[in-house]
Amino acid sequence: MTIPRRISQRITVNFFNGKYLTDRSIINTMPPQLISSPPPMSAEKPTFPGRPRKFEDQDVIDAAVAVFSANGYAGTSAQDLCDGTGLGRGSLYNAFGSKQALYEQALLRSHEQTMSAQLAILTQSGLVKERLHTLLLWGIAEDLSLPEQHDAMVLFSALEMGSKDEAVAGLNNEYRQRLEQTLVAVFIEGQQSGELGNKASPVEMARGFMAGYYGLRVLNKNISDRKILEDVVAGLLINL
């Protein structure tokens, strides 16, 4: 078959976020029968030997966390991720495979960062109520100071995707179970020392505290008056 026009430039076709993109409109000069679709996307991360990575995955993932936290999954486009990470669509696809895969990696990164901060508070020495109070105040500070958005992504991934995406629901459930287990241990310690009452089991107390903790985190997004938020914290602790 003869190509009617000589094409001196190589045509690249990238796929990301459900869209095929070309870096040159020259593709229109080729006969339709010569333009083949790329193979279906594999579930495995693609590898390209001989093409060195020019960026650090963790830096890209942290940047993606900020984008997803600001826009949510549905509201984040491929271009938003390119703008936020500074990478082209082809590079993002080569590294992560899809928007969904990058979202899951960003969520795992958020779990890691947030859990580390919470465990550092809950496992320190001192009175149980003081540790719980510190955790609640930490949550307020995180929400009001707008850091890297790790904790915001953990919270809002559950609100936006928790019941719609099995993979995200599974990741968030593992995170919740780990935090719950840590809180149960804290409440057992408090009951054994006599600092906390025995009207409820440690599991019931831990789950009740988590409900108040995450209710506070949602409230933080709508109220910027720190005094009101601190009154909520006092109300959560007074019944322990």
Protein backbone atom coordinates (compact mmCIF):
# COMPACT_ATOMS: atom_id res chain seq x y z
CA MET A 1 0.00 0.00 0.00
CA THR A 2 1.32 3.47 -0.90
CA ILE A 3 1.08 6.37 1.51
CA PRO A 4 -0.06 9.43 -0.49
CA ARG A 5 2.05 11.89 1.50
CA ARG A 6 5.46 11.45 2.98
CA ILE A 7 5.36 11.90 6.71
CA SER A 8 8.72 12.87 8.12
CA GLN A 9 7.67 13.16 11.75
CA ARG A 10 6.95 10.23 14.02
CA ILE A 11 3.38 10.13 15.27
CA THR A 12 2.83 9.34 18.94
CA VAL A 13 -0.46 8.33 20.41
CA ASN A 14 -0.95 8.58 24.14
CA PHE A 15 -3.81 7.33 26.21
CA PHE A 16 -4.81 8.80 29.56
CA ASN A 17 -8.08 9.22 31.38
CA GLY A 18 -10.10 7.58 28.66
CA LYS A 19 -8.88 9.86 25.82
CA TYR A 20 -6.54 9.33 22.92
CA LEU A 21 -4.31 12.26 22.21
CA THR A 22 -1.86 13.07 19.44
CA ASP A 23 1.01 15.50 19.60
CA ARG A 24 0.55 16.52 15.96
CA SER A 25 -2.52 17.02 13.80
CA ILE A 26 -0.42 15.39 11.06
CA ILE A 27 -2.16 12.16 11.91
CA ASN A 28 -5.03 13.36 9.74
CA THR A 29 -2.83 13.03 6.66
CA MET A 30 -2.65 9.26 6.95
CA PRO A 31 -5.19 6.94 5.34
CA PRO A 32 -7.65 5.70 8.01
CA GLN A 33 -6.69 2.07 7.36
CA LEU A 34 -3.11 2.80 8.49
CA ILE A 35 -4.12 4.24 11.88
CA SER A 36 -4.44 1.45 14.39
CA SER A 37 -5.80 1.74 17.91
CA PRO A 38 -3.41 0.99 20.76
CA PRO A 39 -3.90 -2.31 22.56
CA PRO A 40 -6.28 -2.41 25.55
CA MET A 41 -4.83 -1.04 28.78
CA SER A 42 -3.31 -3.73 30.96
CA ALA A 43 -4.04 -3.94 34.65
CA GLU A 44 -0.28 -4.12 35.20
CA LYS A 45 1.84 -0.97 35.31
CA PRO A 46 3.51 -0.72 31.90
CA THR A 47 7.28 -0.75 31.73
CA PHE A 48 9.44 0.75 29.02
CA PRO A 49 13.07 -0.50 29.15
CA GLY A 50 15.65 2.06 28.22
CA ARG A 51 13.46 5.06 29.11
CA PRO A 52 14.82 6.50 32.38
CA ARG A 53 12.34 8.11 34.75
CA LYS A 54 13.00 11.84 35.15
CA PHE A 55 10.86 12.37 38.20
CA GLU A 56 10.29 10.92 41.66
CA ASP A 57 7.07 8.97 42.05
CA GLN A 58 6.48 10.21 45.60
CA ASP A 59 6.70 13.84 44.53
CA VAL A 60 4.21 13.20 41.73
CA ILE A 61 1.87 11.32 44.07
CA ASP A 62 1.99 14.13 46.64
CA ALA A 63 1.13 16.62 43.91
CA ALA A 64 -1.74 14.38 42.78
CA VAL A 65 -3.03 14.27 46.37
CA ALA A 66 -3.38 18.06 46.35
CA VAL A 67 -5.25 17.97 43.02
CA PHE A 68 -7.64 15.18 44.03
CA SER A 69 -8.25 16.80 47.43
CA ALA A 70 -9.19 20.09 45.81
CA ASN A 71 -11.37 18.71 43.01
CA GLY A 72 -12.43 15.21 44.01
CA TYR A 73 -12.01 12.22 41.72
CA ALA A 74 -14.84 13.05 39.34
CA GLY A 75 -13.87 16.72 39.13
CA THR A 76 -10.23 16.03 38.31
CA SER A 77 -9.31 15.90 34.64
CA ALA A 78 -6.18 14.56 32.99
CA GLN A 79 -5.14 18.16 32.33
CA ASP A 80 -5.60 19.03 36.02
CA LEU A 81 -3.19 16.24 36.91
CA CYS A 82 -0.71 17.35 34.28
CA ASP A 83 -0.86 20.92 35.56
CA GLY A 84 -0.55 19.82 39.18
CA THR A 85 2.30 17.34 38.70
CA GLY A 86 4.14 19.12 35.91
CA LEU A 87 4.18 15.96 33.78
CA GLY A 88 2.78 15.26 30.35
CA ARG A 89 -0.03 12.78 29.86
CA GLY A 90 2.26 10.22 28.30
CA SER A 91 4.59 10.30 31.30
CA LEU A 92 1.70 9.94 33.73
CA TYR A 93 0.31 7.00 31.78
CA ASN A 94 3.70 5.31 31.56
CA ALA A 95 4.22 5.68 35.30
CA PHE A 96 0.76 4.92 36.70
CA GLY A 97 -1.38 3.39 33.94
CA SER A 98 -4.59 5.36 34.50
CA LYS A 99 -6.26 8.11 36.49
CA GLN A 100 -7.84 5.46 38.74
CA ALA A 101 -4.47 3.86 39.48
CA LEU A 102 -2.93 7.23 40.31
CA TYR A 103 -5.89 8.02 42.57
CA GLU A 104 -5.38 4.77 44.48
CA GLN A 105 -1.67 5.47 44.88
CA ALA A 106 -2.47 8.98 46.11
CA LEU A 107 -4.98 7.59 48.61
CA LEU A 108 -2.45 5.05 49.91
CA ARG A 109 0.07 7.84 50.31
CA SER A 110 -2.48 9.87 52.24
CA HIS A 111 -3.25 6.89 54.47
CA GLU A 112 0.44 6.48 55.22
CA GLN A 113 1.03 10.12 56.09
CA THR A 114 -2.15 10.61 58.09
CA MET A 115 -1.93 7.35 60.03
CA SER A 116 1.66 8.07 60.98
CA ALA A 117 0.68 11.43 62.48
CA GLN A 118 -2.31 9.99 64.36
CA LEU A 119 -0.39 7.02 65.77
CA ALA A 120 2.38 9.33 66.97
CA ILE A 121 -0.22 11.15 69.07
CA LEU A 122 -2.17 8.14 70.33
CA THR A 123 0.82 5.99 71.30
CA GLN A 124 2.74 8.62 73.24
CA SER A 125 2.94 8.52 77.01
CA GLY A 126 0.60 10.48 79.22
CA LEU A 127 -3.06 10.53 80.18
CA VAL A 128 -5.50 9.00 77.72
CA LYS A 129 -7.82 12.01 77.66
CA GLU A 130 -4.89 14.30 76.94
CA ARG A 131 -3.91 12.16 73.94
CA LEU A 132 -7.46 12.13 72.63
CA HIS A 133 -7.70 15.88 73.14
CA THR A 134 -4.44 16.37 71.24
CA LEU A 135 -5.74 14.22 68.37
CA LEU A 136 -8.93 16.28 68.06
CA LEU A 137 -7.00 19.56 68.11
CA TRP A 138 -4.59 18.15 65.52
CA GLY A 139 -7.56 17.45 63.27
CA ILE A 140 -8.75 21.04 63.56
CA ALA A 141 -5.27 22.39 62.84
CA GLU A 142 -4.88 20.15 59.79
CA ASP A 143 -8.19 21.25 58.32
CA LEU A 144 -7.67 24.95 58.96
CA SER A 145 -4.04 25.18 57.87
CA LEU A 146 -4.39 23.46 54.46
CA PRO A 147 -1.14 21.45 54.41
CA GLU A 148 -0.46 18.82 51.72
CA GLN A 149 -4.10 17.75 51.88
CA HIS A 150 -3.38 14.15 52.86
CA ASP A 151 -6.01 14.02 55.56
CA ALA A 152 -8.55 15.80 53.39
CA MET A 153 -8.17 13.12 50.74
CA VAL A 154 -8.68 10.33 53.26
CA LEU A 155 -11.90 11.90 54.51
CA PHE A 156 -13.42 12.92 51.21
CA SER A 157 -12.47 9.78 49.33
CA ALA A 158 -14.88 8.00 51.67
CA LEU A 159 -17.61 10.57 51.09
CA GLU A 160 -17.22 10.68 47.30
CA MET A 161 -16.09 7.16 46.38
CA GLY A 162 -16.66 4.96 49.41
CA SER A 163 -19.87 3.29 48.25
CA LYS A 164 -19.16 3.54 44.53
CA ASP A 165 -15.71 2.04 44.10
CA GLU A 166 -14.79 -1.33 45.61
CA ALA A 167 -11.04 -0.71 45.55
CA VAL A 168 -11.30 2.67 47.28
CA ALA A 169 -13.79 1.27 49.81
CA GLY A 170 -11.36 -1.55 50.60
CA LEU A 171 -8.44 0.82 51.12
CA ASN A 172 -10.47 3.08 53.39
CA ASN A 173 -11.80 0.12 55.37
CA GLU A 174 -8.27 -1.09 56.07
CA TYR A 175 -7.35 2.40 57.21
CA ARG A 176 -10.39 2.65 59.48
CA GLN A 177 -9.71 -0.74 61.05
CA ARG A 178 -6.14 0.20 61.86
CA LEU A 179 -7.20 3.46 63.53
CA GLU A 180 -9.98 1.66 65.38
CA GLN A 181 -7.60 -0.99 66.72
CA THR A 182 -5.27 1.72 68.01
CA LEU A 183 -8.14 3.56 69.70
CA VAL A 184 -9.41 0.34 71.28
CA ALA A 185 -5.99 -0.19 72.84
CA VAL A 186 -6.04 3.39 74.15
CA PHE A 187 -9.49 2.96 75.70
CA ILE A 188 -8.48 -0.36 77.28
CA GLU A 189 -5.51 1.42 78.83
CA GLY A 190 -7.77 4.20 80.11
CA GLN A 191 -10.25 1.78 81.68
CA GLN A 192 -7.55 -0.32 83.29
CA SER A 193 -5.94 2.75 84.85
CA GLY A 194 -9.29 4.00 86.12
CA GLU A 195 -9.06 7.20 84.08
CA LEU A 196 -12.09 6.20 81.97
CA GLY A 197 -15.40 4.70 83.03
CA ASN A 198 -16.68 1.22 82.21
CA LYS A 199 -20.18 2.08 81.00
CA ALA A 200 -19.24 0.90 77.50
CA SER A 201 -16.75 -1.57 76.10
CA PRO A 202 -13.45 -0.31 74.65
CA VAL A 203 -14.71 -1.19 71.16
CA GLU A 204 -17.93 0.79 71.65
CA MET A 205 -16.01 3.74 73.05
CA ALA A 206 -13.51 3.66 70.20
CA ARG A 207 -16.23 3.58 67.56
CA GLY A 208 -18.21 6.33 69.25
CA PHE A 209 -15.09 8.48 69.43
CA MET A 210 -14.34 7.89 65.75
CA ALA A 211 -17.86 8.98 64.82
CA GLY A 212 -17.35 12.23 66.72
CA TYR A 213 -13.83 12.69 65.37
CA TYR A 214 -14.83 12.39 61.74
CA GLY A 215 -18.00 14.39 62.34
CA LEU A 216 -15.72 17.14 63.61
CA ARG A 217 -13.55 16.85 60.50
CA VAL A 218 -16.58 17.36 58.26
CA LEU A 219 -17.72 20.28 60.40
CA ASN A 220 -14.27 21.83 60.05
CA LYS A 221 -14.89 22.23 56.34
CA ASN A 222 -17.86 24.49 56.97
CA ILE A 223 -16.88 26.37 60.13
CA SER A 224 -13.70 28.40 60.43
CA ASP A 225 -14.43 29.72 63.94
CA ARG A 226 -11.88 27.87 66.09
CA LYS A 227 -13.78 28.63 69.32
CA ILE A 228 -16.83 26.77 68.06
CA LEU A 229 -14.69 23.82 67.02
CA GLU A 230 -12.95 23.72 70.39
CA ASP A 231 -16.37 23.65 72.09
CA VAL A 232 -17.18 20.59 69.98
CA VAL A 233 -13.95 18.98 71.16
CA ALA A 234 -14.83 19.67 74.80
CA GLY A 235 -18.26 18.12 74.28
CA LEU A 236 -16.74 14.96 72.78
CA LEU A 237 -14.37 14.48 75.72
CA ILE A 238 -16.69 15.33 78.62
CA ASN A 239 -18.68 12.12 78.24
CA LEU A 240 -15.70 9.76 78.31
